[in-house]
Amino acid sequence: MLPRYFLASILSLGVDYSIYLVLLRVSPELSPAVAAAPAYVAGAVVHYFVSRRFVFPQGWLHRHQLGEFALFLSSGLLGAALTSGVVWTVSAIPGAGIHWPKIVAVIVSFTVTYAVRKHLVFRTVVRQLTG
């Protein structure tokens, strides 16, 4: 499951990072922390559809796709908040540039959102047999 999640993350990161760079190029007055949040959310939407199809088995909400999507996006908003916070913090380091803050943020948000999505969003129901 983790290798497929990693590949889905690379795809969504491509979307995320592309939007991040475009926003910074189109609006040079925009701070990296502000550009990071909408870029992350766009990547999260891509990630949901790839994860649902190729990564996680049917979880406890598989028949309630809207609820599953809402919970997934909530975990994405957590990831966006972490991303913006980490980018803001690392950007304050002299010489950090625009790439290092985003790289550090990717590592932090990947770790946290994988755990939340595996253990909450797409968790499977384990039924105990009673005898």
C-alpha atoms as a PDB file:
ATOM      1  CA  MET A   1       0.000   0.000   0.000  1.00  0.00           C
ATOM      2  CA  LEU A   2       2.780   2.470   0.870  1.00  0.00           C
ATOM      3  CA  PRO A   3       4.539   2.181  -2.535  1.00  0.00           C
ATOM      4  CA  ARG A   4       1.256   2.907  -4.364  1.00  0.00           C
ATOM      5  CA  TYR A   5       0.545   5.789  -1.998  1.00  0.00           C
ATOM      6  CA  PHE A   6       4.035   7.106  -2.690  1.00  0.00           C
ATOM      7  CA  LEU A   7       3.400   7.002  -6.470  1.00  0.00           C
ATOM      8  CA  ALA A   8       0.023   8.722  -6.028  1.00  0.00           C
ATOM      9  CA  SER A   9       1.783  11.316  -3.920  1.00  0.00           C
ATOM     10  CA  ILE A  10       4.400  11.934  -6.607  1.00  0.00           C
ATOM     11  CA  LEU A  11       1.652  12.524  -9.173  1.00  0.00           C
ATOM     12  CA  SER A  12      -0.267  14.879  -6.900  1.00  0.00           C
ATOM     13  CA  LEU A  13       2.987  16.573  -5.889  1.00  0.00           C
ATOM     14  CA  GLY A  14       3.629  17.285  -9.572  1.00  0.00           C
ATOM     15  CA  VAL A  15       0.284  19.080  -9.739  1.00  0.00           C
ATOM     16  CA  ASP A  16       0.896  20.799  -6.392  1.00  0.00           C
ATOM     17  CA  TYR A  17       4.440  21.970  -7.146  1.00  0.00           C
ATOM     18  CA  SER A  18       3.553  23.139 -10.665  1.00  0.00           C
ATOM     19  CA  ILE A  19       0.725  25.300  -9.359  1.00  0.00           C
ATOM     20  CA  TYR A  20       2.965  26.579  -6.530  1.00  0.00           C
ATOM     21  CA  LEU A  21       5.638  27.694  -9.008  1.00  0.00           C
ATOM     22  CA  VAL A  22       3.104  29.209 -11.430  1.00  0.00           C
ATOM     23  CA  LEU A  23       1.479  31.208  -8.630  1.00  0.00           C
ATOM     24  CA  LEU A  24       4.860  32.540  -7.511  1.00  0.00           C
ATOM     25  CA  ARG A  25       5.834  33.413 -11.083  1.00  0.00           C
ATOM     26  CA  VAL A  26       2.521  35.046 -12.018  1.00  0.00           C
ATOM     27  CA  SER A  27       2.233  36.947  -8.714  1.00  0.00           C
ATOM     28  CA  PRO A  28       5.764  37.720  -7.484  1.00  0.00           C
ATOM     29  CA  GLU A  29       4.331  39.680  -4.546  1.00  0.00           C
ATOM     30  CA  LEU A  30       2.651  36.511  -3.267  1.00  0.00           C
ATOM     31  CA  SER A  31       4.409  34.898  -0.329  1.00  0.00           C
ATOM     32  CA  PRO A  32       5.484  31.255  -0.688  1.00  0.00           C
ATOM     33  CA  ALA A  33       3.286  30.314   2.295  1.00  0.00           C
ATOM     34  CA  VAL A  34       0.172  31.753   0.627  1.00  0.00           C
ATOM     35  CA  ALA A  35       0.982  30.093  -2.718  1.00  0.00           C
ATOM     36  CA  ALA A  36       1.552  26.739  -1.019  1.00  0.00           C
ATOM     37  CA  ALA A  37      -2.001  26.329   0.328  1.00  0.00           C
ATOM     38  CA  PRO A  38      -4.127  26.396  -2.882  1.00  0.00           C
ATOM     39  CA  ALA A  39      -1.466  24.400  -4.708  1.00  0.00           C
ATOM     40  CA  TYR A  40      -1.617  21.744  -1.993  1.00  0.00           C
ATOM     41  CA  VAL A  41      -5.419  21.555  -2.137  1.00  0.00           C
ATOM     42  CA  ALA A  42      -5.362  21.055  -5.919  1.00  0.00           C
ATOM     43  CA  GLY A  43      -2.853  18.247  -5.470  1.00  0.00           C
ATOM     44  CA  ALA A  44      -5.048  16.742  -2.736  1.00  0.00           C
ATOM     45  CA  VAL A  45      -8.040  16.515  -5.084  1.00  0.00           C
ATOM     46  CA  VAL A  46      -5.925  14.628  -7.630  1.00  0.00           C
ATOM     47  CA  HIS A  47      -4.579  12.446  -4.817  1.00  0.00           C
ATOM     48  CA  TYR A  48      -8.070  11.485  -3.654  1.00  0.00           C
ATOM     49  CA  PHE A  49      -9.153  10.082  -6.990  1.00  0.00           C
ATOM     50  CA  VAL A  50      -5.882   8.218  -7.516  1.00  0.00           C
ATOM     51  CA  SER A  51      -5.884   6.893  -3.921  1.00  0.00           C
ATOM     52  CA  ARG A  52      -9.474   5.730  -4.083  1.00  0.00           C
ATOM     53  CA  ARG A  53      -8.881   3.912  -7.328  1.00  0.00           C
ATOM     54  CA  PHE A  54      -5.370   2.469  -6.945  1.00  0.00           C
ATOM     55  CA  VAL A  55      -4.106   2.692  -3.369  1.00  0.00           C
ATOM     56  CA  PHE A  56      -6.559   1.850  -0.632  1.00  0.00           C
ATOM     57  CA  PRO A  57      -8.996  -1.034  -0.476  1.00  0.00           C
ATOM     58  CA  GLN A  58     -12.622  -0.181   0.044  1.00  0.00           C
ATOM     59  CA  GLY A  59     -12.787   1.389   3.461  1.00  0.00           C
ATOM     60  CA  TRP A  60     -15.528   1.974   5.935  1.00  0.00           C
ATOM     61  CA  LEU A  61     -16.972   4.855   3.873  1.00  0.00           C
ATOM     62  CA  HIS A  62     -16.736   3.307   0.399  1.00  0.00           C
ATOM     63  CA  ARG A  63     -20.510   3.421  -0.032  1.00  0.00           C
ATOM     64  CA  HIS A  64     -20.605   7.033   1.126  1.00  0.00           C
ATOM     65  CA  GLN A  65     -18.239   8.604  -1.381  1.00  0.00           C
ATOM     66  CA  LEU A  66     -19.224  12.186  -0.510  1.00  0.00           C
ATOM     67  CA  GLY A  67     -18.422  11.597   3.170  1.00  0.00           C
ATOM     68  CA  GLU A  68     -15.204   9.833   2.236  1.00  0.00           C
ATOM     69  CA  PHE A  69     -14.221  12.717  -0.064  1.00  0.00           C
ATOM     70  CA  ALA A  70     -15.043  15.262   2.665  1.00  0.00           C
ATOM     71  CA  LEU A  71     -12.900  13.397   5.194  1.00  0.00           C
ATOM     72  CA  PHE A  72     -10.102  13.059   2.639  1.00  0.00           C
ATOM     73  CA  LEU A  73     -10.254  16.790   1.890  1.00  0.00           C
ATOM     74  CA  SER A  74     -10.255  17.508   5.619  1.00  0.00           C
ATOM     75  CA  SER A  75      -7.015  15.560   5.880  1.00  0.00           C
ATOM     76  CA  GLY A  76      -5.846  17.586   2.877  1.00  0.00           C
ATOM     77  CA  LEU A  77      -6.686  20.810   4.699  1.00  0.00           C
ATOM     78  CA  LEU A  78      -4.632  19.559   7.626  1.00  0.00           C
ATOM     79  CA  GLY A  79      -1.834  18.883   5.135  1.00  0.00           C
ATOM     80  CA  ALA A  80      -2.296  22.359   3.616  1.00  0.00           C
ATOM     81  CA  ALA A  81      -2.088  23.978   7.048  1.00  0.00           C
ATOM     82  CA  LEU A  82       1.034  21.977   7.871  1.00  0.00           C
ATOM     83  CA  THR A  83       2.491  22.838   4.456  1.00  0.00           C
ATOM     84  CA  SER A  84       1.871  26.560   4.849  1.00  0.00           C
ATOM     85  CA  GLY A  85       3.200  26.547   8.401  1.00  0.00           C
ATOM     86  CA  VAL A  86       6.348  24.664   7.484  1.00  0.00           C
ATOM     87  CA  VAL A  87       6.925  26.780   4.354  1.00  0.00           C
ATOM     88  CA  TRP A  88       6.441  29.951   6.418  1.00  0.00           C
ATOM     89  CA  THR A  89       8.824  28.735   9.122  1.00  0.00           C
ATOM     90  CA  VAL A  90      11.562  27.470   6.804  1.00  0.00           C
ATOM     91  CA  SER A  91      11.209  30.518   4.502  1.00  0.00           C
ATOM     92  CA  ALA A  92      12.260  32.683   7.437  1.00  0.00           C
ATOM     93  CA  ILE A  93      15.686  31.016   7.432  1.00  0.00           C
ATOM     94  CA  PRO A  94      18.117  33.244   5.510  1.00  0.00           C
ATOM     95  CA  GLY A  95      19.032  31.689   2.172  1.00  0.00           C
ATOM     96  CA  ALA A  96      16.222  29.098   2.246  1.00  0.00           C
ATOM     97  CA  GLY A  97      14.925  30.201  -1.156  1.00  0.00           C
ATOM     98  CA  ILE A  98      11.614  28.901  -2.484  1.00  0.00           C
ATOM     99  CA  HIS A  99      12.478  25.219  -2.949  1.00  0.00           C
ATOM    100  CA  TRP A 100      13.810  24.093   0.456  1.00  0.00           C
ATOM    101  CA  PRO A 101      10.753  25.276   2.379  1.00  0.00           C
ATOM    102  CA  LYS A 102       8.477  23.322   0.049  1.00  0.00           C
ATOM    103  CA  ILE A 103      10.668  20.199   0.195  1.00  0.00           C
ATOM    104  CA  VAL A 104      10.609  20.153   4.007  1.00  0.00           C
ATOM    105  CA  ALA A 105       6.848  20.758   3.967  1.00  0.00           C
ATOM    106  CA  VAL A 106       6.315  17.837   1.565  1.00  0.00           C
ATOM    107  CA  ILE A 107       8.074  15.447   3.936  1.00  0.00           C
ATOM    108  CA  VAL A 108       6.055  16.598   6.949  1.00  0.00           C
ATOM    109  CA  SER A 109       2.670  16.656   5.211  1.00  0.00           C
ATOM    110  CA  PHE A 110       3.275  13.308   3.443  1.00  0.00           C
ATOM    111  CA  THR A 111       3.953  11.570   6.739  1.00  0.00           C
ATOM    112  CA  VAL A 112       0.993  13.045   8.590  1.00  0.00           C
ATOM    113  CA  THR A 113      -1.592  12.717   5.800  1.00  0.00           C
ATOM    114  CA  TYR A 114      -0.599   9.120   5.024  1.00  0.00           C
ATOM    115  CA  ALA A 115      -1.186   8.148   8.652  1.00  0.00           C
ATOM    116  CA  VAL A 116      -4.541   9.973   8.797  1.00  0.00           C
ATOM    117  CA  ARG A 117      -5.737   8.575   5.485  1.00  0.00           C
ATOM    118  CA  LYS A 118      -4.679   5.008   6.217  1.00  0.00           C
ATOM    119  CA  HIS A 119      -6.029   4.867   9.764  1.00  0.00           C
ATOM    120  CA  LEU A 120      -9.073   7.118   9.469  1.00  0.00           C
ATOM    121  CA  VAL A 121     -10.262   7.929   5.945  1.00  0.00           C
ATOM    122  CA  PHE A 122      -9.777   4.529   4.282  1.00  0.00           C
ATOM    123  CA  ARG A 123      -9.661   2.307   7.349  1.00  0.00           C
ATOM    124  CA  THR A 124     -11.264  -1.057   6.996  1.00  0.00           C
ATOM    125  CA  VAL A 125     -13.808  -2.378   9.412  1.00  0.00           C
ATOM    126  CA  VAL A 126     -12.638  -5.435  11.277  1.00  0.00           C
ATOM    127  CA  ARG A 127     -15.512  -7.522  12.491  1.00  0.00           C
ATOM    128  CA  GLN A 128     -14.938  -9.765  15.439  1.00  0.00           C
ATOM    129  CA  LEU A 129     -16.548 -13.166  15.448  1.00  0.00           C
ATOM    130  CA  THR A 130     -18.643 -13.901  18.471  1.00  0.00           C
ATOM    131  CA  GLY A 131     -19.275 -17.417  19.370  1.00  0.00           C
END
